[in-house]
Amino acid sequence: MIAAGTHAPLRSNDALHLAVAIRLGVDELLTYDREPADTAAHAGLRTLSPR
Protein backbone atom coordinates (compact mmCIF):
# COMPACT_ATOMS: atom_id res chain seq x y z
CA MET A 1 0.00 0.00 0.00
CA ILE A 2 1.17 3.53 -0.73
CA ALA A 3 0.80 6.23 1.91
CA ALA A 4 -0.20 9.56 0.38
CA GLY A 5 2.06 11.53 2.69
CA THR A 6 5.20 9.67 1.66
CA HIS A 7 5.50 11.16 -1.83
CA ALA A 8 5.48 14.92 -1.47
CA PRO A 9 4.53 17.60 1.00
CA LEU A 10 0.79 17.89 0.46
CA ARG A 11 -1.82 19.92 2.27
CA SER A 12 -4.00 17.76 4.49
CA ASN A 13 -7.05 17.90 2.18
CA ASP A 14 -4.95 16.95 -0.85
CA ALA A 15 -3.32 14.07 1.04
CA LEU A 16 -6.72 12.83 2.16
CA HIS A 17 -8.18 12.94 -1.35
CA LEU A 18 -5.17 11.12 -2.75
CA ALA A 19 -5.23 8.47 -0.02
CA VAL A 20 -8.93 7.81 -0.68
CA ALA A 21 -8.34 7.64 -4.43
CA ILE A 22 -5.52 5.13 -3.93
CA ARG A 23 -7.56 3.09 -1.46
CA LEU A 24 -10.54 2.96 -3.85
CA GLY A 25 -8.30 2.00 -6.75
CA VAL A 26 -9.40 4.81 -9.07
CA ASP A 27 -7.81 5.11 -12.50
CA GLU A 28 -7.56 8.89 -12.65
CA LEU A 29 -7.66 11.96 -10.43
CA LEU A 30 -9.04 15.38 -11.34
CA THR A 31 -7.19 18.32 -9.79
CA TYR A 32 -6.29 21.91 -10.54
CA ASP A 33 -3.18 21.90 -8.32
CA ARG A 34 0.29 20.80 -9.38
CA GLU A 35 1.41 19.14 -6.13
CA PRO A 36 -1.42 16.59 -5.89
CA ALA A 37 -1.24 15.98 -9.65
CA ASP A 38 2.48 15.22 -9.46
CA THR A 39 2.01 13.01 -6.41
CA ALA A 40 -0.91 11.13 -7.99
CA ALA A 41 1.10 10.54 -11.16
CA HIS A 42 3.98 9.23 -9.06
CA ALA A 43 1.52 6.83 -7.39
CA GLY A 44 0.48 5.56 -10.84
CA LEU A 45 -2.78 7.46 -11.29
CA ARG A 46 -3.64 9.28 -14.49
CA THR A 47 -4.29 12.93 -13.71
CA LEU A 48 -6.64 15.38 -15.37
CA SER A 49 -6.21 19.13 -14.97
CA PRO A 50 -8.93 21.11 -16.71
CA ARG A 51 -7.99 24.66 -17.53
PDB file of N, CA and C in Angstrom:
ATOM      1  N   MET A   1       0.837  -1.178   0.000  1.00  0.00           N
ATOM      2  CA  MET A   1       0.000   0.000   0.000  1.00  0.00           C
ATOM      3  C   MET A   1       0.879   1.238   0.000  1.00  0.00           C
ATOM      4  N   ILE A   2       0.444   2.274  -0.657  1.00  0.00           N
ATOM      5  CA  ILE A   2       1.167   3.535  -0.732  1.00  0.00           C
ATOM      6  C   ILE A   2       0.518   4.528   0.218  1.00  0.00           C
ATOM      7  N   ALA A   3       1.306   5.177   1.032  1.00  0.00           N
ATOM      8  CA  ALA A   3       0.803   6.227   1.906  1.00  0.00           C
ATOM      9  C   ALA A   3       0.906   7.557   1.174  1.00  0.00           C
ATOM     10  N   ALA A   4      -0.176   8.312   1.138  1.00  0.00           N
ATOM     11  CA  ALA A   4      -0.196   9.562   0.377  1.00  0.00           C
ATOM     12  C   ALA A   4       0.846  10.544   0.866  1.00  0.00           C
ATOM     13  N   GLY A   5       1.119  10.574   2.139  1.00  0.00           N
ATOM     14  CA  GLY A   5       2.056  11.534   2.691  1.00  0.00           C
ATOM     15  C   GLY A   5       3.513  11.213   2.442  1.00  0.00           C
ATOM     16  N   THR A   6       3.806  10.064   1.842  1.00  0.00           N
ATOM     17  CA  THR A   6       5.199   9.671   1.655  1.00  0.00           C
ATOM     18  C   THR A   6       5.798  10.180   0.357  1.00  0.00           C
ATOM     19  N   HIS A   7       5.004  10.770  -0.517  1.00  0.00           N
ATOM     20  CA  HIS A   7       5.500  11.161  -1.828  1.00  0.00           C
ATOM     21  C   HIS A   7       5.928  12.614  -1.928  1.00  0.00           C
ATOM     22  N   ALA A   8       5.196  13.491  -1.343  1.00  0.00           N
ATOM     23  CA  ALA A   8       5.481  14.919  -1.474  1.00  0.00           C
ATOM     24  C   ALA A   8       4.789  15.653  -0.338  1.00  0.00           C
ATOM     25  N   PRO A   9       5.239  16.829  -0.034  1.00  0.00           N
ATOM     26  CA  PRO A   9       4.535  17.597   0.999  1.00  0.00           C
ATOM     27  C   PRO A   9       3.195  18.111   0.465  1.00  0.00           C
ATOM     28  N   LEU A  10       2.121  17.500   0.902  1.00  0.00           N
ATOM     29  CA  LEU A  10       0.792  17.890   0.457  1.00  0.00           C
ATOM     30  C   LEU A  10       0.025  18.534   1.604  1.00  0.00           C
ATOM     31  N   ARG A  11      -0.899  19.404   1.258  1.00  0.00           N
ATOM     32  CA  ARG A  11      -1.820  19.915   2.268  1.00  0.00           C
ATOM     33  C   ARG A  11      -2.703  18.760   2.721  1.00  0.00           C
ATOM     34  N   SER A  12      -3.248  18.879   3.911  1.00  0.00           N
ATOM     35  CA  SER A  12      -3.998  17.757   4.490  1.00  0.00           C
ATOM     36  C   SER A  12      -5.174  17.330   3.613  1.00  0.00           C
ATOM     37  N   ASN A  13      -5.923  18.271   3.048  1.00  0.00           N
ATOM     38  CA  ASN A  13      -7.048  17.902   2.180  1.00  0.00           C
ATOM     39  C   ASN A  13      -6.576  17.157   0.935  1.00  0.00           C
ATOM     40  N   ASP A  14      -5.488  17.618   0.340  1.00  0.00           N
ATOM     41  CA  ASP A  14      -4.952  16.945  -0.854  1.00  0.00           C
ATOM     42  C   ASP A  14      -4.476  15.545  -0.517  1.00  0.00           C
ATOM     43  N   ALA A  15      -3.802  15.393   0.611  1.00  0.00           N
ATOM     44  CA  ALA A  15      -3.318  14.073   1.036  1.00  0.00           C
ATOM     45  C   ALA A  15      -4.484  13.130   1.289  1.00  0.00           C
ATOM     46  N   LEU A  16      -5.540  13.646   1.887  1.00  0.00           N
ATOM     47  CA  LEU A  16      -6.718  12.831   2.164  1.00  0.00           C
ATOM     48  C   LEU A  16      -7.387  12.377   0.872  1.00  0.00           C
ATOM     49  N   HIS A  17      -7.566  13.301  -0.070  1.00  0.00           N
ATOM     50  CA  HIS A  17      -8.179  12.941  -1.353  1.00  0.00           C
ATOM     51  C   HIS A  17      -7.340  11.901  -2.086  1.00  0.00           C
ATOM     52  N   LEU A  18      -6.040  12.078  -2.073  1.00  0.00           N
ATOM     53  CA  LEU A  18      -5.168  11.122  -2.751  1.00  0.00           C
ATOM     54  C   LEU A  18      -5.204   9.756  -2.066  1.00  0.00           C
ATOM     55  N   ALA A  19      -5.183   9.748  -0.754  1.00  0.00           N
ATOM     56  CA  ALA A  19      -5.233   8.474  -0.018  1.00  0.00           C
ATOM     57  C   ALA A  19      -6.529   7.723  -0.315  1.00  0.00           C
ATOM     58  N   VAL A  20      -7.639   8.438  -0.360  1.00  0.00           N
ATOM     59  CA  VAL A  20      -8.928   7.805  -0.678  1.00  0.00           C
ATOM     60  C   VAL A  20      -8.921   7.284  -2.109  1.00  0.00           C
ATOM     61  N   ALA A  21      -8.399   8.074  -3.032  1.00  0.00           N
ATOM     62  CA  ALA A  21      -8.339   7.637  -4.430  1.00  0.00           C
ATOM     63  C   ALA A  21      -7.507   6.363  -4.575  1.00  0.00           C
ATOM     64  N   ILE A  22      -6.374   6.321  -3.883  1.00  0.00           N
ATOM     65  CA  ILE A  22      -5.517   5.130  -3.932  1.00  0.00           C
ATOM     66  C   ILE A  22      -6.239   3.940  -3.311  1.00  0.00           C
ATOM     67  N   ARG A  23      -6.859   4.171  -2.177  1.00  0.00           N
ATOM     68  CA  ARG A  23      -7.560   3.091  -1.461  1.00  0.00           C
ATOM     69  C   ARG A  23      -8.708   2.519  -2.298  1.00  0.00           C
ATOM     70  N   LEU A  24      -9.424   3.404  -3.019  1.00  0.00           N
ATOM     71  CA  LEU A  24     -10.542   2.964  -3.847  1.00  0.00           C
ATOM     72  C   LEU A  24     -10.092   2.365  -5.171  1.00  0.00           C
ATOM     73  N   GLY A  25      -8.830   2.561  -5.517  1.00  0.00           N
ATOM     74  CA  GLY A  25      -8.303   2.000  -6.755  1.00  0.00           C
ATOM     75  C   GLY A  25      -8.777   2.733  -8.001  1.00  0.00           C
ATOM     76  N   VAL A  26      -8.959   4.048  -7.898  1.00  0.00           N
ATOM     77  CA  VAL A  26      -9.405   4.809  -9.070  1.00  0.00           C
ATOM     78  C   VAL A  26      -8.323   4.814 -10.151  1.00  0.00           C
ATOM     79  N   ASP A  27      -8.735   5.080 -11.370  1.00  0.00           N
ATOM     80  CA  ASP A  27      -7.806   5.113 -12.497  1.00  0.00           C
ATOM     81  C   ASP A  27      -7.242   6.503 -12.755  1.00  0.00           C
ATOM     82  N   GLU A  28      -8.015   7.526 -12.390  1.00  0.00           N
ATOM     83  CA  GLU A  28      -7.560   8.888 -12.647  1.00  0.00           C
ATOM     84  C   GLU A  28      -8.053   9.840 -11.562  1.00  0.00           C
ATOM     85  N   LEU A  29      -7.352  10.954 -11.442  1.00  0.00           N
ATOM     86  CA  LEU A  29      -7.657  11.959 -10.431  1.00  0.00           C
ATOM     87  C   LEU A  29      -7.763  13.316 -11.103  1.00  0.00           C
ATOM     88  N   LEU A  30      -8.818  14.043 -10.791  1.00  0.00           N
ATOM     89  CA  LEU A  30      -9.038  15.379 -11.336  1.00  0.00           C
ATOM     90  C   LEU A  30      -8.581  16.401 -10.298  1.00  0.00           C
ATOM     91  N   THR A  31      -7.668  17.285 -10.691  1.00  0.00           N
ATOM     92  CA  THR A  31      -7.185  18.317  -9.790  1.00  0.00           C
ATOM     93  C   THR A  31      -6.713  19.532 -10.574  1.00  0.00           C
ATOM     94  N   TYR A  32      -6.790  20.679  -9.941  1.00  0.00           N
ATOM     95  CA  TYR A  32      -6.292  21.913 -10.538  1.00  0.00           C
ATOM     96  C   TYR A  32      -4.899  22.261 -10.013  1.00  0.00           C
ATOM     97  N   ASP A  33      -4.447  21.568  -8.981  1.00  0.00           N
ATOM     98  CA  ASP A  33      -3.184  21.902  -8.320  1.00  0.00           C
ATOM     99  C   ASP A  33      -2.054  20.980  -8.755  1.00  0.00           C
ATOM    100  N   ARG A  34      -0.873  21.548  -8.896  1.00  0.00           N
ATOM    101  CA  ARG A  34       0.286  20.803  -9.382  1.00  0.00           C
ATOM    102  C   ARG A  34       0.789  19.750  -8.392  1.00  0.00           C
ATOM    103  N   GLU A  35       0.848  20.080  -7.107  1.00  0.00           N
ATOM    104  CA  GLU A  35       1.412  19.141  -6.125  1.00  0.00           C
ATOM    105  C   GLU A  35       0.629  17.822  -6.067  1.00  0.00           C
ATOM    106  N   PRO A  36      -0.699  17.870  -5.909  1.00  0.00           N
ATOM    107  CA  PRO A  36      -1.418  16.592  -5.888  1.00  0.00           C
ATOM    108  C   PRO A  36      -1.365  15.872  -7.235  1.00  0.00           C
ATOM    109  N   ALA A  37      -1.332  16.620  -8.337  1.00  0.00           N
ATOM    110  CA  ALA A  37      -1.237  15.980  -9.652  1.00  0.00           C
ATOM    111  C   ALA A  37       0.081  15.237  -9.797  1.00  0.00           C
ATOM    112  N   ASP A  38       1.176  15.870  -9.385  1.00  0.00           N
ATOM    113  CA  ASP A  38       2.483  15.216  -9.459  1.00  0.00           C
ATOM    114  C   ASP A  38       2.542  13.989  -8.564  1.00  0.00           C
ATOM    115  N   THR A  39       1.991  14.117  -7.366  1.00  0.00           N
ATOM    116  CA  THR A  39       2.007  13.010  -6.415  1.00  0.00           C
ATOM    117  C   THR A  39       1.138  11.857  -6.910  1.00  0.00           C
ATOM    118  N   ALA A  40      -0.027  12.170  -7.454  1.00  0.00           N
ATOM    119  CA  ALA A  40      -0.908  11.133  -7.992  1.00  0.00           C
ATOM    120  C   ALA A  40      -0.244  10.413  -9.163  1.00  0.00           C
ATOM    121  N   ALA A  41       0.406  11.163 -10.033  1.00  0.00           N
ATOM    122  CA  ALA A  41       1.105  10.543 -11.164  1.00  0.00           C
ATOM    123  C   ALA A  41       2.215   9.628 -10.669  1.00  0.00           C
ATOM    124  N   HIS A  42       2.918  10.059  -9.645  1.00  0.00           N
ATOM    125  CA  HIS A  42       3.982   9.230  -9.059  1.00  0.00           C
ATOM    126  C   HIS A  42       3.410   7.940  -8.463  1.00  0.00           C
ATOM    127  N   ALA A  43       2.181   8.006  -7.971  1.00  0.00           N
ATOM    128  CA  ALA A  43       1.516   6.831  -7.393  1.00  0.00           C
ATOM    129  C   ALA A  43       0.885   5.956  -8.472  1.00  0.00           C
ATOM    130  N   GLY A  44       0.990   6.382  -9.746  1.00  0.00           N
ATOM    131  CA  GLY A  44       0.484   5.559 -10.839  1.00  0.00           C
ATOM    132  C   GLY A  44      -0.910   5.923 -11.320  1.00  0.00           C
ATOM    133  N   LEU A  45      -1.457   7.031 -10.845  1.00  0.00           N
ATOM    134  CA  LEU A  45      -2.776   7.464 -11.288  1.00  0.00           C
ATOM    135  C   LEU A  45      -2.649   8.412 -12.474  1.00  0.00           C
ATOM    136  N   ARG A  46      -3.567   8.306 -13.398  1.00  0.00           N
ATOM    137  CA  ARG A  46      -3.641   9.279 -14.487  1.00  0.00           C
ATOM    138  C   ARG A  46      -4.266  10.535 -13.897  1.00  0.00           C
ATOM    139  N   THR A  47      -3.750  11.692 -14.253  1.00  0.00           N
ATOM    140  CA  THR A  47      -4.289  12.930 -13.713  1.00  0.00           C
ATOM    141  C   THR A  47      -4.893  13.789 -14.818  1.00  0.00           C
ATOM    142  N   LEU A  48      -5.966  14.456 -14.476  1.00  0.00           N
ATOM    143  CA  LEU A  48      -6.638  15.383 -15.373  1.00  0.00           C
ATOM    144  C   LEU A  48      -6.619  16.755 -14.718  1.00  0.00           C
ATOM    145  N   SER A  49      -6.255  17.758 -15.485  1.00  0.00           N
ATOM    146  CA  SER A  49      -6.207  19.127 -14.969  1.00  0.00           C
ATOM    147  C   SER A  49      -6.904  20.062 -15.950  1.00  0.00           C
ATOM    148  N   PRO A  50      -8.212  20.222 -15.800  1.00  0.00           N
ATOM    149  CA  PRO A  50      -8.932  21.111 -16.709  1.00  0.00           C
ATOM    150  C   PRO A  50      -8.502  22.549 -16.524  1.00  0.00           C
ATOM    151  N   ARG A  51      -8.417  23.256 -17.602  1.00  0.00           N
ATOM    152  CA  ARG A  51      -7.989  24.660 -17.527  1.00  0.00           C
ATOM    153  C   ARG A  51      -8.879  25.508 -18.349  1.00  0.00           C
TER     154      ARG A  51
END
